[in-house]
């Protein structure tokens, strides 16, 4: 049996938590390659949250977040480990100036 055409699929914005119709959301691929769709499930952002994103390349960011267990630790512990890892890999902001 075919699903009803009047039923609209909704998704939850991963940034703000609101539910919106799928056709009013943007796909988010944490690996940065939304064109390679094989064996993937996508998270979604509402249009206003998507507009607020920085759209610059994020080469190693997602891997670093996974490595540091983002979302699985308390905020202060995560931020301390993130700052330490970034300074270790890329140096401090003062070194760039």
PDB file of N, CA and C in Angstrom:
ATOM      1  N   UNK A   1       0.840  -1.183   0.000  1.00  0.00           N
ATOM      2  CA  UNK A   1       0.000   0.000   0.000  1.00  0.00           C
ATOM      3  C   UNK A   1       0.885   1.247   0.000  1.00  0.00           C
ATOM      4  N   UNK A   2       0.513   2.241  -0.764  1.00  0.00           N
ATOM      5  CA  UNK A   2       1.268   3.482  -0.865  1.00  0.00           C
ATOM      6  C   UNK A   2       0.925   4.406   0.301  1.00  0.00           C
ATOM      7  N   UNK A   3       1.933   5.162   0.798  1.00  0.00           N
ATOM      8  CA  UNK A   3       1.638   6.111   1.871  1.00  0.00           C
ATOM      9  C   UNK A   3       0.777   7.263   1.361  1.00  0.00           C
ATOM     10  N   UNK A   4       0.083   7.892   2.261  1.00  0.00           N
ATOM     11  CA  UNK A   4      -0.785   9.010   1.906  1.00  0.00           C
ATOM     12  C   UNK A   4       0.033  10.172   1.365  1.00  0.00           C
ATOM     13  N   UNK A   5      -0.441  10.791   0.297  1.00  0.00           N
ATOM     14  CA  UNK A   5       0.256  11.950  -0.268  1.00  0.00           C
ATOM     15  C   UNK A   5       0.053  13.199   0.567  1.00  0.00           C
ATOM     16  N   UNK A   6      -0.948  13.186   1.418  1.00  0.00           N
ATOM     17  CA  UNK A   6      -1.211  14.374   2.228  1.00  0.00           C
ATOM     18  C   UNK A   6      -0.374  14.390   3.501  1.00  0.00           C
ATOM     19  N   UNK A   7       0.209  13.254   3.840  1.00  0.00           N
ATOM     20  CA  UNK A   7       1.029  13.197   5.043  1.00  0.00           C
ATOM     21  C   UNK A   7       2.418  13.752   4.741  1.00  0.00           C
ATOM     22  N   UNK A   8       2.836  14.759   5.467  1.00  0.00           N
ATOM     23  CA  UNK A   8       4.129  15.389   5.247  1.00  0.00           C
ATOM     24  C   UNK A   8       5.139  14.834   6.239  1.00  0.00           C
ATOM     25  N   UNK A   9       6.282  14.398   5.727  1.00  0.00           N
ATOM     26  CA  UNK A   9       7.343  13.917   6.598  1.00  0.00           C
ATOM     27  C   UNK A   9       7.933  15.107   7.352  1.00  0.00           C
ATOM     28  N   UNK A  10       8.112  14.951   8.653  1.00  0.00           N
ATOM     29  CA  UNK A  10       8.739  16.013   9.433  1.00  0.00           C
ATOM     30  C   UNK A  10      10.081  15.530   9.949  1.00  0.00           C
ATOM     31  N   UNK A  11      10.977  16.488  10.161  1.00  0.00           N
ATOM     32  CA  UNK A  11      12.301  16.211  10.711  1.00  0.00           C
ATOM     33  C   UNK A  11      12.544  17.182  11.854  1.00  0.00           C
ATOM     34  N   UNK A  12      13.496  16.848  12.704  1.00  0.00           N
ATOM     35  CA  UNK A  12      13.843  17.704  13.831  1.00  0.00           C
ATOM     36  C   UNK A  12      15.175  18.375  13.552  1.00  0.00           C
ATOM     37  N   UNK A  13      15.227  19.680  13.718  1.00  0.00           N
ATOM     38  CA  UNK A  13      16.462  20.440  13.520  1.00  0.00           C
ATOM     39  C   UNK A  13      17.451  20.058  14.620  1.00  0.00           C
ATOM     40  N   UNK A  14      18.655  19.651  14.225  1.00  0.00           N
ATOM     41  CA  UNK A  14      19.638  19.235  15.212  1.00  0.00           C
ATOM     42  C   UNK A  14      20.188  20.410  16.011  1.00  0.00           C
ATOM     43  N   UNK A  15      20.015  21.630  15.547  1.00  0.00           N
ATOM     44  CA  UNK A  15      20.532  22.797  16.258  1.00  0.00           C
ATOM     45  C   UNK A  15      19.542  23.371  17.260  1.00  0.00           C
ATOM     46  N   UNK A  16      18.302  23.574  16.846  1.00  0.00           N
ATOM     47  CA  UNK A  16      17.335  24.242  17.732  1.00  0.00           C
ATOM     48  C   UNK A  16      16.240  23.322  18.245  1.00  0.00           C
ATOM     49  N   UNK A  17      16.098  22.137  17.650  1.00  0.00           N
ATOM     50  CA  UNK A  17      15.140  21.160  18.134  1.00  0.00           C
ATOM     51  C   UNK A  17      13.718  21.291  17.623  1.00  0.00           C
ATOM     52  N   UNK A  18      13.441  22.276  16.762  1.00  0.00           N
ATOM     53  CA  UNK A  18      12.069  22.397  16.257  1.00  0.00           C
ATOM     54  C   UNK A  18      11.810  21.334  15.197  1.00  0.00           C
ATOM     55  N   UNK A  19      10.560  20.964  15.059  1.00  0.00           N
ATOM     56  CA  UNK A  19      10.167  20.058  13.982  1.00  0.00           C
ATOM     57  C   UNK A  19       9.672  20.895  12.818  1.00  0.00           C
ATOM     58  N   UNK A  20      10.069  20.495  11.618  1.00  0.00           N
ATOM     59  CA  UNK A  20       9.606  21.206  10.426  1.00  0.00           C
ATOM     60  C   UNK A  20       9.422  20.191   9.305  1.00  0.00           C
ATOM     61  N   UNK A  21       8.635  20.544   8.298  1.00  0.00           N
ATOM     62  CA  UNK A  21       8.465  19.637   7.160  1.00  0.00           C
ATOM     63  C   UNK A  21       9.812  19.362   6.498  1.00  0.00           C
ATOM     64  N   UNK A  22      10.018  18.147   6.064  1.00  0.00           N
ATOM     65  CA  UNK A  22      11.279  17.741   5.443  1.00  0.00           C
ATOM     66  C   UNK A  22      11.646  18.639   4.271  1.00  0.00           C
ATOM     67  N   UNK A  23      10.663  19.063   3.490  1.00  0.00           N
ATOM     68  CA  UNK A  23      10.972  19.897   2.327  1.00  0.00           C
ATOM     69  C   UNK A  23      11.314  21.336   2.705  1.00  0.00           C
ATOM     70  N   UNK A  24      11.211  21.683   3.985  1.00  0.00           N
ATOM     71  CA  UNK A  24      11.613  23.010   4.448  1.00  0.00           C
ATOM     72  C   UNK A  24      12.893  22.951   5.274  1.00  0.00           C
ATOM     73  N   UNK A  25      13.586  21.820   5.226  1.00  0.00           N
ATOM     74  CA  UNK A  25      14.816  21.634   5.997  1.00  0.00           C
ATOM     75  C   UNK A  25      15.993  21.403   5.056  1.00  0.00           C
ATOM     76  N   UNK A  26      17.180  21.478   5.607  1.00  0.00           N
ATOM     77  CA  UNK A  26      18.400  21.221   4.847  1.00  0.00           C
ATOM     78  C   UNK A  26      19.097  20.010   5.446  1.00  0.00           C
ATOM     79  N   UNK A  27      19.622  19.145   4.584  1.00  0.00           N
ATOM     80  CA  UNK A  27      20.351  17.978   5.063  1.00  0.00           C
ATOM     81  C   UNK A  27      21.698  18.403   5.623  1.00  0.00           C
ATOM     82  N   UNK A  28      22.115  17.720   6.680  1.00  0.00           N
ATOM     83  CA  UNK A  28      23.428  17.952   7.265  1.00  0.00           C
ATOM     84  C   UNK A  28      24.149  16.614   7.309  1.00  0.00           C
ATOM     85  N   UNK A  29      25.310  16.561   6.703  1.00  0.00           N
ATOM     86  CA  UNK A  29      26.134  15.358   6.723  1.00  0.00           C
ATOM     87  C   UNK A  29      27.370  15.670   7.544  1.00  0.00           C
ATOM     88  N   UNK A  30      27.505  15.018   8.679  1.00  0.00           N
ATOM     89  CA  UNK A  30      28.612  15.342   9.570  1.00  0.00           C
ATOM     90  C   UNK A  30      29.968  15.037   8.959  1.00  0.00           C
ATOM     91  N   UNK A  31      29.998  14.276   7.873  1.00  0.00           N
ATOM     92  CA  UNK A  31      31.260  13.995   7.202  1.00  0.00           C
ATOM     93  C   UNK A  31      31.539  14.996   6.085  1.00  0.00           C
ATOM     94  N   UNK A  32      30.626  15.915   5.857  1.00  0.00           N
ATOM     95  CA  UNK A  32      30.848  16.980   4.891  1.00  0.00           C
ATOM     96  C   UNK A  32      30.667  16.585   3.440  1.00  0.00           C
ATOM     97  N   UNK A  33      30.076  15.426   3.179  1.00  0.00           N
ATOM     98  CA  UNK A  33      29.913  14.974   1.797  1.00  0.00           C
ATOM     99  C   UNK A  33      28.486  14.488   1.594  1.00  0.00           C
ATOM    100  N   UNK A  34      27.564  15.410   1.456  1.00  0.00           N
ATOM    101  CA  UNK A  34      26.167  15.003   1.328  1.00  0.00           C
ATOM    102  C   UNK A  34      25.835  14.437  -0.043  1.00  0.00           C
ATOM    103  N   UNK A  35      26.771  14.494  -0.992  1.00  0.00           N
ATOM    104  CA  UNK A  35      26.505  13.970  -2.330  1.00  0.00           C
ATOM    105  C   UNK A  35      26.712  12.465  -2.379  1.00  0.00           C
ATOM    106  N   UNK A  36      27.574  11.930  -1.515  1.00  0.00           N
ATOM    107  CA  UNK A  36      27.759  10.480  -1.427  1.00  0.00           C
ATOM    108  C   UNK A  36      26.692   9.957  -0.474  1.00  0.00           C
ATOM    109  N   UNK A  37      25.629   9.382  -1.010  1.00  0.00           N
ATOM    110  CA  UNK A  37      24.454   9.032  -0.220  1.00  0.00           C
ATOM    111  C   UNK A  37      24.406   7.560   0.188  1.00  0.00           C
ATOM    112  N   UNK A  38      25.349   6.762  -0.276  1.00  0.00           N
ATOM    113  CA  UNK A  38      25.312   5.326  -0.001  1.00  0.00           C
ATOM    114  C   UNK A  38      25.439   5.043   1.493  1.00  0.00           C
ATOM    115  N   UNK A  39      24.507   4.252   2.009  1.00  0.00           N
ATOM    116  CA  UNK A  39      24.526   3.790   3.402  1.00  0.00           C
ATOM    117  C   UNK A  39      24.599   4.918   4.428  1.00  0.00           C
ATOM    118  N   UNK A  40      23.950   6.025   4.168  1.00  0.00           N
ATOM    119  CA  UNK A  40      23.974   7.151   5.102  1.00  0.00           C
ATOM    120  C   UNK A  40      22.576   7.512   5.556  1.00  0.00           C
ATOM    121  N   UNK A  41      22.510   8.019   6.756  1.00  0.00           N
ATOM    122  CA  UNK A  41      21.303   8.696   7.218  1.00  0.00           C
ATOM    123  C   UNK A  41      21.730  10.118   7.532  1.00  0.00           C
ATOM    124  N   UNK A  42      20.888  11.059   7.208  1.00  0.00           N
ATOM    125  CA  UNK A  42      21.240  12.455   7.385  1.00  0.00           C
ATOM    126  C   UNK A  42      20.494  13.063   8.554  1.00  0.00           C
ATOM    127  N   UNK A  43      21.142  14.011   9.202  1.00  0.00           N
ATOM    128  CA  UNK A  43      20.463  14.839  10.176  1.00  0.00           C
ATOM    129  C   UNK A  43      19.976  16.061   9.407  1.00  0.00           C
ATOM    130  N   UNK A  44      19.180  16.897  10.043  1.00  0.00           N
ATOM    131  CA  UNK A  44      18.597  18.036   9.329  1.00  0.00           C
ATOM    132  C   UNK A  44      18.701  19.319  10.142  1.00  0.00           C
ATOM    133  N   UNK A  45      18.730  20.420   9.425  1.00  0.00           N
ATOM    134  CA  UNK A  45      18.705  21.762  10.009  1.00  0.00           C
ATOM    135  C   UNK A  45      17.528  22.516   9.416  1.00  0.00           C
ATOM    136  N   UNK A  46      16.838  23.294  10.258  1.00  0.00           N
ATOM    137  CA  UNK A  46      15.807  24.172   9.703  1.00  0.00           C
ATOM    138  C   UNK A  46      16.518  25.255   8.889  1.00  0.00           C
ATOM    139  N   UNK A  47      15.794  25.935   8.026  1.00  0.00           N
ATOM    140  CA  UNK A  47      16.426  26.914   7.139  1.00  0.00           C
ATOM    141  C   UNK A  47      17.114  28.045   7.895  1.00  0.00           C
ATOM    142  N   UNK A  48      16.514  28.519   8.998  1.00  0.00           N
ATOM    143  CA  UNK A  48      17.145  29.635   9.714  1.00  0.00           C
ATOM    144  C   UNK A  48      18.447  29.193  10.377  1.00  0.00           C
ATOM    145  N   UNK A  49      18.497  27.993  10.946  1.00  0.00           N
ATOM    146  CA  UNK A  49      19.748  27.505  11.538  1.00  0.00           C
ATOM    147  C   UNK A  49      20.791  27.246  10.452  1.00  0.00           C
ATOM    148  N   UNK A  50      20.361  26.742   9.304  1.00  0.00           N
ATOM    149  CA  UNK A  50      21.290  26.495   8.203  1.00  0.00           C
ATOM    150  C   UNK A  50      21.923  27.805   7.726  1.00  0.00           C
ATOM    151  N   UNK A  51      21.137  28.875   7.668  1.00  0.00           N
ATOM    152  CA  UNK A  51      21.666  30.179   7.251  1.00  0.00           C
ATOM    153  C   UNK A  51      22.725  30.688   8.220  1.00  0.00           C
ATOM    154  N   UNK A  52      22.583  30.356   9.500  1.00  0.00           N
ATOM    155  CA  UNK A  52      23.517  30.847  10.511  1.00  0.00           C
ATOM    156  C   UNK A  52      24.818  30.052  10.566  1.00  0.00           C
ATOM    157  N   UNK A  53      24.881  28.928   9.872  1.00  0.00           N
ATOM    158  CA  UNK A  53      26.094  28.112   9.880  1.00  0.00           C
ATOM    159  C   UNK A  53      27.236  28.812   9.170  1.00  0.00           C
ATOM    160  N   UNK A  54      28.430  28.509   9.591  1.00  0.00           N
ATOM    161  CA  UNK A  54      29.616  28.921   8.853  1.00  0.00           C
ATOM    162  C   UNK A  54      29.781  27.899   7.728  1.00  0.00           C
ATOM    163  N   UNK A  55      29.835  28.347   6.508  1.00  0.00           N
ATOM    164  CA  UNK A  55      29.914  27.432   5.374  1.00  0.00           C
ATOM    165  C   UNK A  55      31.333  27.268   4.843  1.00  0.00           C
ATOM    166  N   UNK A  56      32.316  27.598   5.681  1.00  0.00           N
ATOM    167  CA  UNK A  56      33.712  27.394   5.303  1.00  0.00           C
ATOM    168  C   UNK A  56      34.066  25.914   5.469  1.00  0.00           C
ATOM    169  N   UNK A  57      35.081  25.442   4.754  1.00  0.00           N
ATOM    170  CA  UNK A  57      35.489  24.038   4.901  1.00  0.00           C
ATOM    171  C   UNK A  57      35.827  23.715   6.358  1.00  0.00           C
ATOM    172  N   UNK A  58      35.529  22.506   6.754  1.00  0.00           N
ATOM    173  CA  UNK A  58      35.786  22.088   8.132  1.00  0.00           C
ATOM    174  C   UNK A  58      36.620  20.814   8.130  1.00  0.00           C
ATOM    175  N   UNK A  59      37.678  20.842   7.372  1.00  0.00           N
ATOM    176  CA  UNK A  59      38.510  19.686   7.055  1.00  0.00           C
ATOM    177  C   UNK A  59      38.584  18.617   8.146  1.00  0.00           C
ATOM    178  N   UNK A  60      39.076  18.930   9.304  1.00  0.00           N
ATOM    179  CA  UNK A  60      39.299  17.910  10.329  1.00  0.00           C
ATOM    180  C   UNK A  60      38.359  18.050  11.518  1.00  0.00           C
ATOM    181  N   UNK A  61      37.420  18.982  11.453  1.00  0.00           N
ATOM    182  CA  UNK A  61      36.583  19.273  12.613  1.00  0.00           C
ATOM    183  C   UNK A  61      35.736  18.090  13.053  1.00  0.00           C
ATOM    184  N   UNK A  62      35.008  17.466  12.147  1.00  0.00           N
ATOM    185  CA  UNK A  62      34.110  16.380  12.546  1.00  0.00           C
ATOM    186  C   UNK A  62      34.877  15.213  13.149  1.00  0.00           C
ATOM    187  N   UNK A  63      36.018  14.874  12.578  1.00  0.00           N
ATOM    188  CA  UNK A  63      36.838  13.799  13.140  1.00  0.00           C
ATOM    189  C   UNK A  63      37.308  14.125  14.544  1.00  0.00           C
ATOM    190  N   UNK A  64      37.689  15.375  14.759  1.00  0.00           N
ATOM    191  CA  UNK A  64      38.120  15.812  16.086  1.00  0.00           C
ATOM    192  C   UNK A  64      36.969  15.743  17.083  1.00  0.00           C
ATOM    193  N   UNK A  65      35.781  16.167  16.674  1.00  0.00           N
ATOM    194  CA  UNK A  65      34.622  16.114  17.568  1.00  0.00           C
ATOM    195  C   UNK A  65      34.285  14.675  17.954  1.00  0.00           C
ATOM    196  N   UNK A  66      34.372  13.765  17.008  1.00  0.00           N
ATOM    197  CA  UNK A  66      34.112  12.354  17.306  1.00  0.00           C
ATOM    198  C   UNK A  66      35.187  11.817  18.247  1.00  0.00           C
ATOM    199  N   UNK A  67      36.438  12.130  17.945  1.00  0.00           N
ATOM    200  CA  UNK A  67      37.560  11.677  18.776  1.00  0.00           C
ATOM    201  C   UNK A  67      37.423  12.158  20.222  1.00  0.00           C
ATOM    202  N   UNK A  68      36.951  13.382  20.393  1.00  0.00           N
ATOM    203  CA  UNK A  68      36.822  13.963  21.733  1.00  0.00           C
ATOM    204  C   UNK A  68      35.480  13.651  22.387  1.00  0.00           C
ATOM    205  N   UNK A  69      34.681  12.817  21.741  1.00  0.00           N
ATOM    206  CA  UNK A  69      33.393  12.363  22.271  1.00  0.00           C
ATOM    207  C   UNK A  69      32.425  13.514  22.531  1.00  0.00           C
ATOM    208  N   UNK A  70      32.317  14.405  21.561  1.00  0.00           N
ATOM    209  CA  UNK A  70      31.374  15.527  21.675  1.00  0.00           C
ATOM    210  C   UNK A  70      29.967  14.992  21.874  1.00  0.00           C
ATOM    211  N   UNK A  71      29.232  15.590  22.789  1.00  0.00           N
ATOM    212  CA  UNK A  71      27.867  15.179  23.066  1.00  0.00           C
ATOM    213  C   UNK A  71      27.758  14.007  24.025  1.00  0.00           C
ATOM    214  N   UNK A  72      28.889  13.423  24.397  1.00  0.00           N
ATOM    215  CA  UNK A  72      28.876  12.278  25.308  1.00  0.00           C
ATOM    216  C   UNK A  72      29.514  12.614  26.650  1.00  0.00           C
ATOM    217  N   UNK A  73      30.060  13.799  26.769  1.00  0.00           N
ATOM    218  CA  UNK A  73      30.725  14.230  27.998  1.00  0.00           C
ATOM    219  C   UNK A  73      30.077  15.524  28.454  1.00  0.00           C
ATOM    220  N   UNK A  74      30.366  15.900  29.707  1.00  0.00           N
ATOM    221  CA  UNK A  74      29.797  17.177  30.140  1.00  0.00           C
ATOM    222  C   UNK A  74      30.514  18.314  29.419  1.00  0.00           C
ATOM    223  N   UNK A  75      29.835  19.428  29.314  1.00  0.00           N
ATOM    224  CA  UNK A  75      30.283  20.557  28.493  1.00  0.00           C
ATOM    225  C   UNK A  75      31.673  21.057  28.876  1.00  0.00           C
ATOM    226  N   UNK A  76      31.916  21.261  30.175  1.00  0.00           N
ATOM    227  CA  UNK A  76      33.209  21.807  30.605  1.00  0.00           C
ATOM    228  C   UNK A  76      34.364  20.864  30.273  1.00  0.00           C
ATOM    229  N   UNK A  77      34.172  19.565  30.496  1.00  0.00           N
ATOM    230  CA  UNK A  77      35.223  18.591  30.184  1.00  0.00           C
ATOM    231  C   UNK A  77      35.488  18.557  28.680  1.00  0.00           C
ATOM    232  N   UNK A  78      34.419  18.590  27.883  1.00  0.00           N
ATOM    233  CA  UNK A  78      34.597  18.580  26.431  1.00  0.00           C
ATOM    234  C   UNK A  78      35.348  19.824  25.963  1.00  0.00           C
ATOM    235  N   UNK A  79      34.929  21.007  26.431  1.00  0.00           N
ATOM    236  CA  UNK A  79      35.571  22.246  25.983  1.00  0.00           C
ATOM    237  C   UNK A  79      37.043  22.292  26.378  1.00  0.00           C
ATOM    238  N   UNK A  80      37.377  21.803  27.567  1.00  0.00           N
ATOM    239  CA  UNK A  80      38.779  21.770  27.994  1.00  0.00           C
ATOM    240  C   UNK A  80      39.596  20.854  27.083  1.00  0.00           C
ATOM    241  N   UNK A  81      39.063  19.678  26.767  1.00  0.00           N
ATOM    242  CA  UNK A  81      39.801  18.757  25.897  1.00  0.00           C
ATOM    243  C   UNK A  81      39.871  19.287  24.463  1.00  0.00           C
ATOM    244  N   UNK A  82      38.817  19.970  24.011  1.00  0.00           N
ATOM    245  CA  UNK A  82      38.821  20.550  22.665  1.00  0.00           C
ATOM    246  C   UNK A  82      39.895  21.636  22.553  1.00  0.00           C
ATOM    247  N   UNK A  83      39.921  22.539  23.518  1.00  0.00           N
ATOM    248  CA  UNK A  83      40.912  23.617  23.498  1.00  0.00           C
ATOM    249  C   UNK A  83      42.324  23.049  23.524  1.00  0.00           C
ATOM    250  N   UNK A  84      42.555  22.069  24.374  1.00  0.00           N
ATOM    251  CA  UNK A  84      43.871  21.445  24.469  1.00  0.00           C
ATOM    252  C   UNK A  84      44.272  20.787  23.151  1.00  0.00           C
ATOM    253  N   UNK A  85      43.361  20.041  22.539  1.00  0.00           N
ATOM    254  CA  UNK A  85      43.658  19.352  21.279  1.00  0.00           C
ATOM    255  C   UNK A  85      43.926  20.342  20.150  1.00  0.00           C
ATOM    256  N   UNK A  86      43.136  21.407  20.069  1.00  0.00           N
ATOM    257  CA  UNK A  86      43.325  22.406  19.012  1.00  0.00           C
ATOM    258  C   UNK A  86      44.664  23.117  19.185  1.00  0.00           C
ATOM    259  N   UNK A  87      45.001  23.491  20.415  1.00  0.00           N
ATOM    260  CA  UNK A  87      46.289  24.160  20.647  1.00  0.00           C
ATOM    261  C   UNK A  87      47.453  23.227  20.349  1.00  0.00           C
ATOM    262  N   UNK A  88      47.307  21.947  20.687  1.00  0.00           N
ATOM    263  CA  UNK A  88      48.365  20.971  20.421  1.00  0.00           C
ATOM    264  C   UNK A  88      48.570  20.788  18.917  1.00  0.00           C
ATOM    265  N   UNK A  89      47.488  20.728  18.162  1.00  0.00           N
ATOM    266  CA  UNK A  89      47.580  20.494  16.716  1.00  0.00           C
ATOM    267  C   UNK A  89      47.943  21.739  15.918  1.00  0.00           C
ATOM    268  N   UNK A  90      47.365  22.882  16.304  1.00  0.00           N
ATOM    269  CA  UNK A  90      47.469  24.073  15.460  1.00  0.00           C
ATOM    270  C   UNK A  90      48.154  25.255  16.129  1.00  0.00           C
ATOM    271  N   UNK A  91      48.491  25.134  17.407  1.00  0.00           N
ATOM    272  CA  UNK A  91      49.093  26.247  18.124  1.00  0.00           C
ATOM    273  C   UNK A  91      48.023  27.161  18.699  1.00  0.00           C
ATOM    274  N   UNK A  92      48.461  28.120  19.488  1.00  0.00           N
ATOM    275  CA  UNK A  92      47.522  29.051  20.105  1.00  0.00           C
ATOM    276  C   UNK A  92      47.246  30.212  19.161  1.00  0.00           C
ATOM    277  N   UNK A  93      46.193  30.933  19.427  1.00  0.00           N
ATOM    278  CA  UNK A  93      45.874  32.114  18.619  1.00  0.00           C
ATOM    279  C   UNK A  93      46.991  33.143  18.695  1.00  0.00           C
ATOM    280  N   UNK A  94      47.633  33.257  19.848  1.00  0.00           N
ATOM    281  CA  UNK A  94      48.719  34.224  20.002  1.00  0.00           C
ATOM    282  C   UNK A  94      49.880  33.912  19.064  1.00  0.00           C
ATOM    283  N   UNK A  95      50.117  32.617  18.786  1.00  0.00           N
ATOM    284  CA  UNK A  95      51.193  32.226  17.880  1.00  0.00           C
ATOM    285  C   UNK A  95      50.913  32.657  16.452  1.00  0.00           C
ATOM    286  N   UNK A  96      49.640  32.797  16.078  1.00  0.00           N
ATOM    287  CA  UNK A  96      49.256  33.191  14.724  1.00  0.00           C
ATOM    288  C   UNK A  96      49.448  34.682  14.490  1.00  0.00           C
ATOM    289  N   UNK A  97      49.347  35.485  15.534  1.00  0.00           N
ATOM    290  CA  UNK A  97      49.390  36.945  15.375  1.00  0.00           C
ATOM    291  C   UNK A  97      50.764  37.455  15.064  1.00  0.00           C
TER     292      UNK A  97
END
